[in-house]
Amino acid sequence: MLNFLQISRFRVSYQRGEVVLAWAMVSPWLAGFLLLTAFPMVASLVISFFEWNLLSPPEFVGLAHYHKLFFSDPLPMHSLRITVIFSLASIPLNIVFGLAIAMLLNTNIRGLAVFRTIYYLPAILSGVAVAILWQWIFSSDFGLLNTALRIFGIEGPAWLGSKVWVLPAFVIMRLWSVGGGMVIYLAGLQAIPTDLYEAAEIDGANWWQRIFRITLPMLSPTIFFQLITGVIFSMQIFTETFIMTDGGPANASLFYLLYLYRQAFQNFKMGYASALAWVFFVAVLLLTLILFATARFWVYYEAESAEDN
């Protein structure tokens, strides 16, 4: 009996020690999340109801900033519309090009690792360095792109100086980092059982039928992941437009986060900037929830299908 009690106490103390150890291991991340994420978010929500320029005491204004955002100031909706247009153009292109490159590199050819590295390298370069590089590429006078077009007798536009071409220029530039998605698609392609392709070939399925009946359905979870991350990533575009155009010409590239930055760190309207940030957060959250709600109609999970059967 004594031995049983001793063993029980030992087990309880051991379990408590595991709990304490687990909290000790997770505490650095938890402290960082509370201090650097949760607290700033709550503080920004509170600040959005105040007028504050960092120098004078905050003054409570209620919903005045939100009223201004939706009804008085035309630039927030203008910048949000530009951001959405950019996202609608860049996300499908990145998905298609990333998947196409991954399918090309999912073969047994000589030097395959080198090609994979070459395509992936641009995805890890610094945003500022990439922005400066593309600013030179899109230069209307001596830019690499217009110089290449002149070889074919085409006079290229002033990419970053034209209200018509500045958004297409940013869409083209975003394809620079398509290698990051390519690696994820490549992992998804290699996880597809080869038995499915062999059975399809025996049944007489051609290449297109194998793509639409096997590859895309089996890759739908990967495509969905890329869609979600692409929406979040593209909606947060800032560095490129800040370095390359600063929102010009005539606010044609005034993306939402750039306008938020101006209000916060150039005009020192911290309350209004906080309201802009929360509206942006809610917009991205709603868009993400809509995508998750529609995923059940087109995303195929093999494990769930096996359970249903």
C-alpha atoms as a PDB file:
ATOM      1  CA  MET A   1       0.000   0.000   0.000  1.00  0.00           C
ATOM      2  CA  LEU A   2       2.835   2.318   0.898  1.00  0.00           C
ATOM      3  CA  ASN A   3       4.596   1.557  -2.340  1.00  0.00           C
ATOM      4  CA  PHE A   4       1.414   2.285  -4.281  1.00  0.00           C
ATOM      5  CA  LEU A   5       1.024   5.688  -2.567  1.00  0.00           C
ATOM      6  CA  GLN A   6       4.643   6.527  -3.211  1.00  0.00           C
ATOM      7  CA  ILE A   7       4.302   5.613  -6.866  1.00  0.00           C
ATOM      8  CA  SER A   8       1.119   7.709  -7.189  1.00  0.00           C
ATOM      9  CA  ARG A   9       2.776  10.739  -5.592  1.00  0.00           C
ATOM     10  CA  PHE A  10       5.781  10.290  -7.839  1.00  0.00           C
ATOM     11  CA  ARG A  11       3.539  10.216 -10.915  1.00  0.00           C
ATOM     12  CA  VAL A  12       1.689  13.361  -9.805  1.00  0.00           C
ATOM     13  CA  SER A  13       4.920  15.242  -9.110  1.00  0.00           C
ATOM     14  CA  TYR A  14       6.353  14.033 -12.425  1.00  0.00           C
ATOM     15  CA  GLN A  15       3.272  15.245 -14.326  1.00  0.00           C
ATOM     16  CA  ARG A  16       3.440  18.599 -12.563  1.00  0.00           C
ATOM     17  CA  GLY A  17       7.092  18.853 -13.484  1.00  0.00           C
ATOM     18  CA  GLU A  18       6.227  18.186 -17.128  1.00  0.00           C
ATOM     19  CA  VAL A  19       3.582  20.927 -17.043  1.00  0.00           C
ATOM     20  CA  VAL A  20       6.030  23.397 -15.508  1.00  0.00           C
ATOM     21  CA  LEU A  21       8.677  22.444 -18.049  1.00  0.00           C
ATOM     22  CA  ALA A  22       6.192  22.853 -20.913  1.00  0.00           C
ATOM     23  CA  TRP A  23       5.193  26.341 -19.740  1.00  0.00           C
ATOM     24  CA  ALA A  24       8.858  27.252 -19.289  1.00  0.00           C
ATOM     25  CA  MET A  25       9.619  26.162 -22.861  1.00  0.00           C
ATOM     26  CA  VAL A  26       6.673  28.047 -24.368  1.00  0.00           C
ATOM     27  CA  SER A  27       7.049  31.155 -22.195  1.00  0.00           C
ATOM     28  CA  PRO A  28       9.501  33.022 -24.519  1.00  0.00           C
ATOM     29  CA  TRP A  29       7.082  32.736 -27.433  1.00  0.00           C
ATOM     30  CA  LEU A  30       4.095  33.527 -25.204  1.00  0.00           C
ATOM     31  CA  ALA A  31       5.812  36.617 -23.785  1.00  0.00           C
ATOM     32  CA  GLY A  32       6.741  37.771 -27.274  1.00  0.00           C
ATOM     33  CA  PHE A  33       3.187  37.229 -28.521  1.00  0.00           C
ATOM     34  CA  LEU A  34       1.626  39.128 -25.617  1.00  0.00           C
ATOM     35  CA  LEU A  35       4.103  42.027 -25.669  1.00  0.00           C
ATOM     36  CA  LEU A  36       4.681  42.375 -29.421  1.00  0.00           C
ATOM     37  CA  THR A  37       1.351  41.246 -30.917  1.00  0.00           C
ATOM     38  CA  ALA A  38      -1.614  41.036 -28.540  1.00  0.00           C
ATOM     39  CA  PHE A  39      -0.909  44.175 -26.510  1.00  0.00           C
ATOM     40  CA  PRO A  40      -0.162  46.389 -29.578  1.00  0.00           C
ATOM     41  CA  MET A  41      -3.377  45.171 -31.241  1.00  0.00           C
ATOM     42  CA  VAL A  42      -5.512  46.016 -28.205  1.00  0.00           C
ATOM     43  CA  ALA A  43      -3.674  49.328 -27.779  1.00  0.00           C
ATOM     44  CA  SER A  44      -4.249  50.271 -31.433  1.00  0.00           C
ATOM     45  CA  LEU A  45      -7.965  49.521 -31.066  1.00  0.00           C
ATOM     46  CA  VAL A  46      -8.149  51.865 -28.072  1.00  0.00           C
ATOM     47  CA  ILE A  47      -6.063  54.541 -29.815  1.00  0.00           C
ATOM     48  CA  SER A  48      -8.406  54.469 -32.826  1.00  0.00           C
ATOM     49  CA  PHE A  49     -11.016  56.236 -30.665  1.00  0.00           C
ATOM     50  CA  PHE A  50      -8.612  59.037 -29.757  1.00  0.00           C
ATOM     51  CA  GLU A  51      -6.924  61.944 -31.523  1.00  0.00           C
ATOM     52  CA  TRP A  52      -3.217  61.632 -30.736  1.00  0.00           C
ATOM     53  CA  ASN A  53      -0.090  63.031 -32.390  1.00  0.00           C
ATOM     54  CA  LEU A  54       2.431  61.464 -29.949  1.00  0.00           C
ATOM     55  CA  LEU A  55       3.249  64.891 -28.456  1.00  0.00           C
ATOM     56  CA  SER A  56       0.006  66.145 -26.943  1.00  0.00           C
ATOM     57  CA  PRO A  57      -2.264  64.129 -24.614  1.00  0.00           C
ATOM     58  CA  PRO A  58      -4.778  61.860 -26.378  1.00  0.00           C
ATOM     59  CA  GLU A  59      -8.244  63.357 -26.918  1.00  0.00           C
ATOM     60  CA  PHE A  60     -11.263  61.084 -27.094  1.00  0.00           C
ATOM     61  CA  VAL A  61     -13.179  61.496 -30.381  1.00  0.00           C
ATOM     62  CA  GLY A  62     -15.289  58.325 -30.420  1.00  0.00           C
ATOM     63  CA  LEU A  63     -16.113  57.014 -33.900  1.00  0.00           C
ATOM     64  CA  ALA A  64     -14.972  60.201 -35.658  1.00  0.00           C
ATOM     65  CA  HIS A  65     -12.001  58.474 -37.306  1.00  0.00           C
ATOM     66  CA  TYR A  66     -14.178  55.685 -38.678  1.00  0.00           C
ATOM     67  CA  HIS A  67     -16.715  58.202 -39.962  1.00  0.00           C
ATOM     68  CA  LYS A  68     -13.933  60.101 -41.693  1.00  0.00           C
ATOM     69  CA  LEU A  69     -12.535  56.890 -43.152  1.00  0.00           C
ATOM     70  CA  PHE A  70     -15.799  55.809 -44.767  1.00  0.00           C
ATOM     71  CA  PHE A  71     -17.528  59.115 -45.543  1.00  0.00           C
ATOM     72  CA  SER A  72     -15.109  62.089 -45.601  1.00  0.00           C
ATOM     73  CA  ASP A  73     -11.687  60.924 -46.778  1.00  0.00           C
ATOM     74  CA  PRO A  74     -11.744  59.445 -50.313  1.00  0.00           C
ATOM     75  CA  LEU A  75      -8.189  58.084 -50.184  1.00  0.00           C
ATOM     76  CA  PRO A  76      -8.746  55.021 -47.936  1.00  0.00           C
ATOM     77  CA  MET A  77     -11.293  53.468 -50.295  1.00  0.00           C
ATOM     78  CA  HIS A  78      -9.187  54.534 -53.286  1.00  0.00           C
ATOM     79  CA  SER A  79      -6.093  52.854 -51.834  1.00  0.00           C
ATOM     80  CA  LEU A  80      -8.094  49.766 -50.859  1.00  0.00           C
ATOM     81  CA  ARG A  81      -9.496  49.506 -54.392  1.00  0.00           C
ATOM     82  CA  ILE A  82      -5.978  49.704 -55.864  1.00  0.00           C
ATOM     83  CA  THR A  83      -4.770  47.052 -53.428  1.00  0.00           C
ATOM     84  CA  VAL A  84      -7.650  44.731 -54.330  1.00  0.00           C
ATOM     85  CA  ILE A  85      -7.094  45.203 -58.075  1.00  0.00           C
ATOM     86  CA  PHE A  86      -3.418  44.421 -57.628  1.00  0.00           C
ATOM     87  CA  SER A  87      -4.268  41.305 -55.608  1.00  0.00           C
ATOM     88  CA  LEU A  88      -6.826  40.064 -58.136  1.00  0.00           C
ATOM     89  CA  ALA A  89      -4.233  40.374 -60.904  1.00  0.00           C
ATOM     90  CA  SER A  90      -1.131  39.099 -59.115  1.00  0.00           C
ATOM     91  CA  ILE A  91      -2.479  36.132 -57.124  1.00  0.00           C
ATOM     92  CA  PRO A  92      -3.794  34.060 -60.088  1.00  0.00           C
ATOM     93  CA  LEU A  93      -0.626  34.757 -62.081  1.00  0.00           C
ATOM     94  CA  ASN A  94       1.581  33.661 -59.197  1.00  0.00           C
ATOM     95  CA  ILE A  95      -0.454  30.492 -58.713  1.00  0.00           C
ATOM     96  CA  VAL A  96      -0.387  29.591 -62.422  1.00  0.00           C
ATOM     97  CA  PHE A  97       3.297  30.395 -62.984  1.00  0.00           C
ATOM     98  CA  GLY A  98       4.376  28.752 -59.728  1.00  0.00           C
ATOM     99  CA  LEU A  99       2.493  25.574 -60.572  1.00  0.00           C
ATOM    100  CA  ALA A 100       3.750  25.552 -64.164  1.00  0.00           C
ATOM    101  CA  ILE A 101       7.385  25.904 -63.077  1.00  0.00           C
ATOM    102  CA  ALA A 102       6.922  23.220 -60.417  1.00  0.00           C
ATOM    103  CA  MET A 103       5.521  20.798 -63.003  1.00  0.00           C
ATOM    104  CA  LEU A 104       8.468  21.486 -65.310  1.00  0.00           C
ATOM    105  CA  LEU A 105      10.914  20.866 -62.498  1.00  0.00           C
ATOM    106  CA  ASN A 106       9.132  17.724 -61.322  1.00  0.00           C
ATOM    107  CA  THR A 107      11.011  15.641 -63.857  1.00  0.00           C
ATOM    108  CA  ASN A 108      14.234  13.665 -63.972  1.00  0.00           C
ATOM    109  CA  ILE A 109      16.596  15.873 -65.948  1.00  0.00           C
ATOM    110  CA  ARG A 110      20.265  16.671 -65.530  1.00  0.00           C
ATOM    111  CA  GLY A 111      21.003  19.676 -63.297  1.00  0.00           C
ATOM    112  CA  LEU A 112      17.524  19.684 -61.775  1.00  0.00           C
ATOM    113  CA  ALA A 113      18.760  20.840 -58.344  1.00  0.00           C
ATOM    114  CA  VAL A 114      20.524  23.803 -59.961  1.00  0.00           C
ATOM    115  CA  PHE A 115      17.382  24.926 -61.768  1.00  0.00           C
ATOM    116  CA  ARG A 116      15.320  24.598 -58.601  1.00  0.00           C
ATOM    117  CA  THR A 117      17.832  26.739 -56.715  1.00  0.00           C
ATOM    118  CA  ILE A 118      17.901  29.382 -59.454  1.00  0.00           C
ATOM    119  CA  TYR A 119      14.115  29.717 -59.464  1.00  0.00           C
ATOM    120  CA  TYR A 120      13.922  29.824 -55.661  1.00  0.00           C
ATOM    121  CA  LEU A 121      16.714  32.346 -54.969  1.00  0.00           C
ATOM    122  CA  PRO A 122      14.702  35.505 -55.840  1.00  0.00           C
ATOM    123  CA  ALA A 123      12.132  34.593 -53.173  1.00  0.00           C
ATOM    124  CA  ILE A 124      14.677  35.053 -50.370  1.00  0.00           C
ATOM    125  CA  LEU A 125      16.147  38.387 -51.452  1.00  0.00           C
ATOM    126  CA  SER A 126      15.550  41.571 -49.467  1.00  0.00           C
ATOM    127  CA  GLY A 127      12.483  43.622 -50.369  1.00  0.00           C
ATOM    128  CA  VAL A 128      14.410  46.896 -50.568  1.00  0.00           C
ATOM    129  CA  ALA A 129      17.091  45.416 -52.824  1.00  0.00           C
ATOM    130  CA  VAL A 130      14.442  43.905 -55.096  1.00  0.00           C
ATOM    131  CA  ALA A 131      12.566  47.221 -55.253  1.00  0.00           C
ATOM    132  CA  ILE A 132      15.713  49.100 -56.287  1.00  0.00           C
ATOM    133  CA  LEU A 133      16.508  46.436 -58.878  1.00  0.00           C
ATOM    134  CA  TRP A 134      13.045  46.650 -60.442  1.00  0.00           C
ATOM    135  CA  GLN A 135      13.107  50.436 -60.305  1.00  0.00           C
ATOM    136  CA  TRP A 136      16.082  50.242 -62.625  1.00  0.00           C
ATOM    137  CA  ILE A 137      14.432  47.590 -64.813  1.00  0.00           C
ATOM    138  CA  PHE A 138      11.299  49.733 -65.262  1.00  0.00           C
ATOM    139  CA  SER A 139      13.172  52.983 -65.919  1.00  0.00           C
ATOM    140  CA  SER A 140      11.720  54.626 -69.037  1.00  0.00           C
ATOM    141  CA  ASP A 141      15.086  55.991 -70.236  1.00  0.00           C
ATOM    142  CA  PHE A 142      17.692  53.285 -69.630  1.00  0.00           C
ATOM    143  CA  GLY A 143      15.683  50.481 -68.074  1.00  0.00           C
ATOM    144  CA  LEU A 144      16.416  46.903 -69.031  1.00  0.00           C
ATOM    145  CA  LEU A 145      12.805  46.159 -70.005  1.00  0.00           C
ATOM    146  CA  ASN A 146      12.372  49.085 -72.397  1.00  0.00           C
ATOM    147  CA  THR A 147      15.826  48.461 -73.849  1.00  0.00           C
ATOM    148  CA  ALA A 148      14.800  44.875 -74.629  1.00  0.00           C
ATOM    149  CA  LEU A 149      11.541  46.085 -76.190  1.00  0.00           C
ATOM    150  CA  ARG A 150      13.405  48.534 -78.443  1.00  0.00           C
ATOM    151  CA  ILE A 151      15.274  45.586 -79.966  1.00  0.00           C
ATOM    152  CA  PHE A 152      11.921  44.453 -81.382  1.00  0.00           C
ATOM    153  CA  GLY A 153      10.961  47.954 -82.462  1.00  0.00           C
ATOM    154  CA  ILE A 154       8.601  48.560 -79.534  1.00  0.00           C
ATOM    155  CA  GLU A 155       8.804  51.782 -77.571  1.00  0.00           C
ATOM    156  CA  GLY A 156       8.017  50.843 -73.983  1.00  0.00           C
ATOM    157  CA  PRO A 157       5.914  53.051 -71.725  1.00  0.00           C
ATOM    158  CA  ALA A 158       7.040  55.036 -68.709  1.00  0.00           C
ATOM    159  CA  TRP A 159       6.172  52.129 -66.432  1.00  0.00           C
ATOM    160  CA  LEU A 160       6.453  53.833 -63.056  1.00  0.00           C
ATOM    161  CA  GLY A 161       5.492  57.270 -64.351  1.00  0.00           C
ATOM    162  CA  SER A 162       2.215  56.288 -66.002  1.00  0.00           C
ATOM    163  CA  LYS A 163      -1.115  55.982 -64.212  1.00  0.00           C
ATOM    164  CA  VAL A 164      -2.054  53.231 -66.665  1.00  0.00           C
ATOM    165  CA  TRP A 165       1.095  51.107 -66.466  1.00  0.00           C
ATOM    166  CA  VAL A 166       2.216  51.486 -62.858  1.00  0.00           C
ATOM    167  CA  LEU A 167      -0.084  48.740 -61.510  1.00  0.00           C
ATOM    168  CA  PRO A 168       0.831  46.261 -64.300  1.00  0.00           C
ATOM    169  CA  ALA A 169       4.460  46.999 -63.463  1.00  0.00           C
ATOM    170  CA  PHE A 170       3.928  45.952 -59.851  1.00  0.00           C
ATOM    171  CA  VAL A 171       2.076  42.825 -60.980  1.00  0.00           C
ATOM    172  CA  ILE A 172       4.986  41.875 -63.247  1.00  0.00           C
ATOM    173  CA  MET A 173       7.432  42.545 -60.428  1.00  0.00           C
ATOM    174  CA  ARG A 174       5.511  40.299 -58.036  1.00  0.00           C
ATOM    175  CA  LEU A 175       6.199  37.363 -60.391  1.00  0.00           C
ATOM    176  CA  TRP A 176       9.831  37.752 -59.337  1.00  0.00           C
ATOM    177  CA  SER A 177       9.120  35.781 -56.134  1.00  0.00           C
ATOM    178  CA  VAL A 178       7.151  32.989 -57.793  1.00  0.00           C
ATOM    179  CA  GLY A 179       9.902  30.550 -56.799  1.00  0.00           C
ATOM    180  CA  GLY A 180       8.665  30.483 -53.205  1.00  0.00           C
ATOM    181  CA  GLY A 181       5.345  29.026 -54.308  1.00  0.00           C
ATOM    182  CA  MET A 182       7.123  26.762 -56.771  1.00  0.00           C
ATOM    183  CA  VAL A 183       8.854  24.910 -53.915  1.00  0.00           C
ATOM    184  CA  ILE A 184       5.527  24.302 -52.156  1.00  0.00           C
ATOM    185  CA  TYR A 185       3.867  23.078 -55.346  1.00  0.00           C
ATOM    186  CA  LEU A 186       6.831  20.821 -56.004  1.00  0.00           C
ATOM    187  CA  ALA A 187       6.404  19.208 -52.591  1.00  0.00           C
ATOM    188  CA  GLY A 188       2.713  18.720 -53.308  1.00  0.00           C
ATOM    189  CA  LEU A 189       3.386  17.169 -56.703  1.00  0.00           C
ATOM    190  CA  GLN A 190       5.866  14.705 -55.264  1.00  0.00           C
ATOM    191  CA  ALA A 191       3.293  13.636 -52.656  1.00  0.00           C
ATOM    192  CA  ILE A 192       0.809  12.513 -55.320  1.00  0.00           C
ATOM    193  CA  PRO A 193       0.887   8.693 -55.620  1.00  0.00           C
ATOM    194  CA  THR A 194       2.285   7.573 -58.957  1.00  0.00           C
ATOM    195  CA  ASP A 195      -0.220   4.707 -58.968  1.00  0.00           C
ATOM    196  CA  LEU A 196      -2.948   7.184 -59.916  1.00  0.00           C
ATOM    197  CA  TYR A 197      -1.095   8.281 -63.049  1.00  0.00           C
ATOM    198  CA  GLU A 198      -0.295   4.696 -64.009  1.00  0.00           C
ATOM    199  CA  ALA A 199      -3.937   3.678 -63.660  1.00  0.00           C
ATOM    200  CA  ALA A 200      -5.034   6.697 -65.697  1.00  0.00           C
ATOM    201  CA  GLU A 201      -2.585   5.841 -68.491  1.00  0.00           C
ATOM    202  CA  ILE A 202      -3.891   2.281 -68.577  1.00  0.00           C
ATOM    203  CA  ASP A 203      -7.427   3.670 -68.911  1.00  0.00           C
ATOM    204  CA  GLY A 204      -6.273   5.780 -71.865  1.00  0.00           C
ATOM    205  CA  ALA A 205      -6.298   9.232 -70.201  1.00  0.00           C
ATOM    206  CA  ASN A 206      -4.269  11.852 -72.066  1.00  0.00           C
ATOM    207  CA  TRP A 207      -1.997  14.490 -70.495  1.00  0.00           C
ATOM    208  CA  TRP A 208      -4.726  17.106 -70.048  1.00  0.00           C
ATOM    209  CA  GLN A 209      -7.105  14.607 -68.491  1.00  0.00           C
ATOM    210  CA  ARG A 210      -4.444  13.523 -66.021  1.00  0.00           C
ATOM    211  CA  ILE A 211      -3.822  17.170 -65.098  1.00  0.00           C
ATOM    212  CA  PHE A 212      -7.484  18.070 -64.518  1.00  0.00           C
ATOM    213  CA  ARG A 213      -8.605  14.741 -63.052  1.00  0.00           C
ATOM    214  CA  ILE A 214      -5.593  13.870 -60.881  1.00  0.00           C
ATOM    215  CA  THR A 215      -3.008  16.630 -60.474  1.00  0.00           C
ATOM    216  CA  LEU A 216      -5.249  19.616 -59.754  1.00  0.00           C
ATOM    217  CA  PRO A 217      -7.674  17.784 -57.410  1.00  0.00           C
ATOM    218  CA  MET A 218      -4.796  16.244 -55.459  1.00  0.00           C
ATOM    219  CA  LEU A 219      -3.044  19.631 -55.324  1.00  0.00           C
ATOM    220  CA  SER A 220      -6.153  21.549 -54.283  1.00  0.00           C
ATOM    221  CA  PRO A 221      -5.097  21.775 -50.587  1.00  0.00           C
ATOM    222  CA  THR A 222      -1.746  23.184 -51.682  1.00  0.00           C
ATOM    223  CA  ILE A 223      -3.422  25.619 -54.070  1.00  0.00           C
ATOM    224  CA  PHE A 224      -5.796  26.669 -51.280  1.00  0.00           C
ATOM    225  CA  PHE A 225      -2.856  27.305 -48.958  1.00  0.00           C
ATOM    226  CA  GLN A 226      -1.131  29.366 -51.635  1.00  0.00           C
ATOM    227  CA  LEU A 227      -4.360  31.285 -52.235  1.00  0.00           C
ATOM    228  CA  ILE A 228      -4.747  32.204 -48.558  1.00  0.00           C
ATOM    229  CA  THR A 229      -1.116  33.217 -48.099  1.00  0.00           C
ATOM    230  CA  GLY A 230      -1.180  35.034 -51.440  1.00  0.00           C
ATOM    231  CA  VAL A 231      -4.162  37.135 -50.381  1.00  0.00           C
ATOM    232  CA  ILE A 232      -2.529  38.084 -47.084  1.00  0.00           C
ATOM    233  CA  PHE A 233       0.842  38.747 -48.719  1.00  0.00           C
ATOM    234  CA  SER A 234      -0.439  40.778 -51.665  1.00  0.00           C
ATOM    235  CA  MET A 235      -2.777  42.889 -49.553  1.00  0.00           C
ATOM    236  CA  GLN A 236       0.204  43.925 -47.422  1.00  0.00           C
ATOM    237  CA  ILE A 237       2.318  45.286 -50.265  1.00  0.00           C
ATOM    238  CA  PHE A 238       4.300  48.258 -48.971  1.00  0.00           C
ATOM    239  CA  THR A 239       8.066  48.163 -49.464  1.00  0.00           C
ATOM    240  CA  GLU A 240       7.983  48.131 -53.259  1.00  0.00           C
ATOM    241  CA  THR A 241       5.667  51.097 -53.702  1.00  0.00           C
ATOM    242  CA  PHE A 242       7.361  53.045 -50.887  1.00  0.00           C
ATOM    243  CA  ILE A 243      10.762  52.701 -52.559  1.00  0.00           C
ATOM    244  CA  MET A 244       9.766  52.836 -56.227  1.00  0.00           C
ATOM    245  CA  THR A 245       6.884  55.305 -56.579  1.00  0.00           C
ATOM    246  CA  ASP A 246       5.868  56.583 -53.123  1.00  0.00           C
ATOM    247  CA  GLY A 247       2.268  56.194 -54.232  1.00  0.00           C
ATOM    248  CA  GLY A 248       2.592  58.077 -57.519  1.00  0.00           C
ATOM    249  CA  PRO A 249       1.883  59.090 -60.112  1.00  0.00           C
ATOM    250  CA  ALA A 250      -1.238  60.932 -58.913  1.00  0.00           C
ATOM    251  CA  ASN A 251      -1.901  58.271 -56.234  1.00  0.00           C
ATOM    252  CA  ALA A 252      -2.160  55.571 -58.912  1.00  0.00           C
ATOM    253  CA  SER A 253       0.001  53.250 -56.777  1.00  0.00           C
ATOM    254  CA  LEU A 254      -1.154  54.449 -53.367  1.00  0.00           C
ATOM    255  CA  PHE A 255      -1.611  51.054 -51.757  1.00  0.00           C
ATOM    256  CA  TYR A 256      -3.484  50.832 -48.484  1.00  0.00           C
ATOM    257  CA  LEU A 257      -0.528  50.220 -46.174  1.00  0.00           C
ATOM    258  CA  LEU A 258       1.392  53.089 -47.738  1.00  0.00           C
ATOM    259  CA  TYR A 259      -1.497  55.442 -46.968  1.00  0.00           C
ATOM    260  CA  LEU A 260      -1.639  54.040 -43.433  1.00  0.00           C
ATOM    261  CA  TYR A 261       2.096  54.660 -43.063  1.00  0.00           C
ATOM    262  CA  ARG A 262       1.705  58.263 -44.194  1.00  0.00           C
ATOM    263  CA  GLN A 263      -0.993  58.952 -41.645  1.00  0.00           C
ATOM    264  CA  ALA A 264       0.974  57.353 -38.808  1.00  0.00           C
ATOM    265  CA  PHE A 265       4.587  58.323 -39.396  1.00  0.00           C
ATOM    266  CA  GLN A 266       4.421  61.386 -41.644  1.00  0.00           C
ATOM    267  CA  ASN A 267       1.276  63.152 -40.419  1.00  0.00           C
ATOM    268  CA  PHE A 268       1.481  61.659 -36.889  1.00  0.00           C
ATOM    269  CA  LYS A 269      -2.257  60.964 -36.822  1.00  0.00           C
ATOM    270  CA  MET A 270      -1.939  57.856 -34.724  1.00  0.00           C
ATOM    271  CA  GLY A 271      -5.644  57.565 -33.967  1.00  0.00           C
ATOM    272  CA  TYR A 272      -6.662  57.759 -37.605  1.00  0.00           C
ATOM    273  CA  ALA A 273      -3.874  55.351 -38.597  1.00  0.00           C
ATOM    274  CA  SER A 274      -5.074  52.874 -35.963  1.00  0.00           C
ATOM    275  CA  ALA A 275      -8.605  53.071 -37.374  1.00  0.00           C
ATOM    276  CA  LEU A 276      -7.201  52.412 -40.844  1.00  0.00           C
ATOM    277  CA  ALA A 277      -5.287  49.416 -39.512  1.00  0.00           C
ATOM    278  CA  TRP A 278      -8.352  47.872 -37.882  1.00  0.00           C
ATOM    279  CA  VAL A 279     -10.515  48.331 -40.958  1.00  0.00           C
ATOM    280  CA  PHE A 280      -7.783  46.652 -42.994  1.00  0.00           C
ATOM    281  CA  PHE A 281      -7.535  43.807 -40.474  1.00  0.00           C
ATOM    282  CA  VAL A 282     -11.293  43.199 -40.566  1.00  0.00           C
ATOM    283  CA  ALA A 283     -11.331  43.323 -44.393  1.00  0.00           C
ATOM    284  CA  VAL A 284      -8.551  40.736 -44.719  1.00  0.00           C
ATOM    285  CA  LEU A 285     -10.140  38.585 -42.006  1.00  0.00           C
ATOM    286  CA  LEU A 286     -13.531  38.583 -43.761  1.00  0.00           C
ATOM    287  CA  LEU A 287     -11.918  37.765 -47.091  1.00  0.00           C
ATOM    288  CA  THR A 288     -10.018  34.874 -45.522  1.00  0.00           C
ATOM    289  CA  LEU A 289     -13.169  33.533 -43.865  1.00  0.00           C
ATOM    290  CA  ILE A 290     -15.001  33.675 -47.213  1.00  0.00           C
ATOM    291  CA  LEU A 291     -12.232  31.664 -48.831  1.00  0.00           C
ATOM    292  CA  PHE A 292     -12.388  29.076 -46.051  1.00  0.00           C
ATOM    293  CA  ALA A 293     -16.170  28.874 -46.418  1.00  0.00           C
ATOM    294  CA  THR A 294     -15.923  28.211 -50.151  1.00  0.00           C
ATOM    295  CA  ALA A 295     -13.048  25.736 -49.816  1.00  0.00           C
ATOM    296  CA  ARG A 296     -15.372  22.808 -49.098  1.00  0.00           C
ATOM    297  CA  PHE A 297     -16.728  23.049 -52.641  1.00  0.00           C
ATOM    298  CA  TRP A 298     -13.395  22.623 -54.439  1.00  0.00           C
ATOM    299  CA  VAL A 299     -10.646  21.542 -52.024  1.00  0.00           C
ATOM    300  CA  TYR A 300     -10.155  17.771 -51.921  1.00  0.00           C
ATOM    301  CA  TYR A 301      -8.663  16.134 -48.816  1.00  0.00           C
ATOM    302  CA  GLU A 302      -7.754  12.506 -49.358  1.00  0.00           C
ATOM    303  CA  ALA A 303      -7.929  11.626 -45.654  1.00  0.00           C
ATOM    304  CA  GLU A 304     -11.473  12.950 -45.312  1.00  0.00           C
ATOM    305  CA  SER A 305     -12.520  11.092 -48.457  1.00  0.00           C
ATOM    306  CA  ALA A 306     -11.113   7.848 -47.087  1.00  0.00           C
ATOM    307  CA  GLU A 307     -13.023   8.333 -43.806  1.00  0.00           C
ATOM    308  CA  ASP A 308     -16.274   8.947 -45.693  1.00  0.00           C
ATOM    309  CA  ASN A 309     -15.793   5.708 -47.613  1.00  0.00           C
END
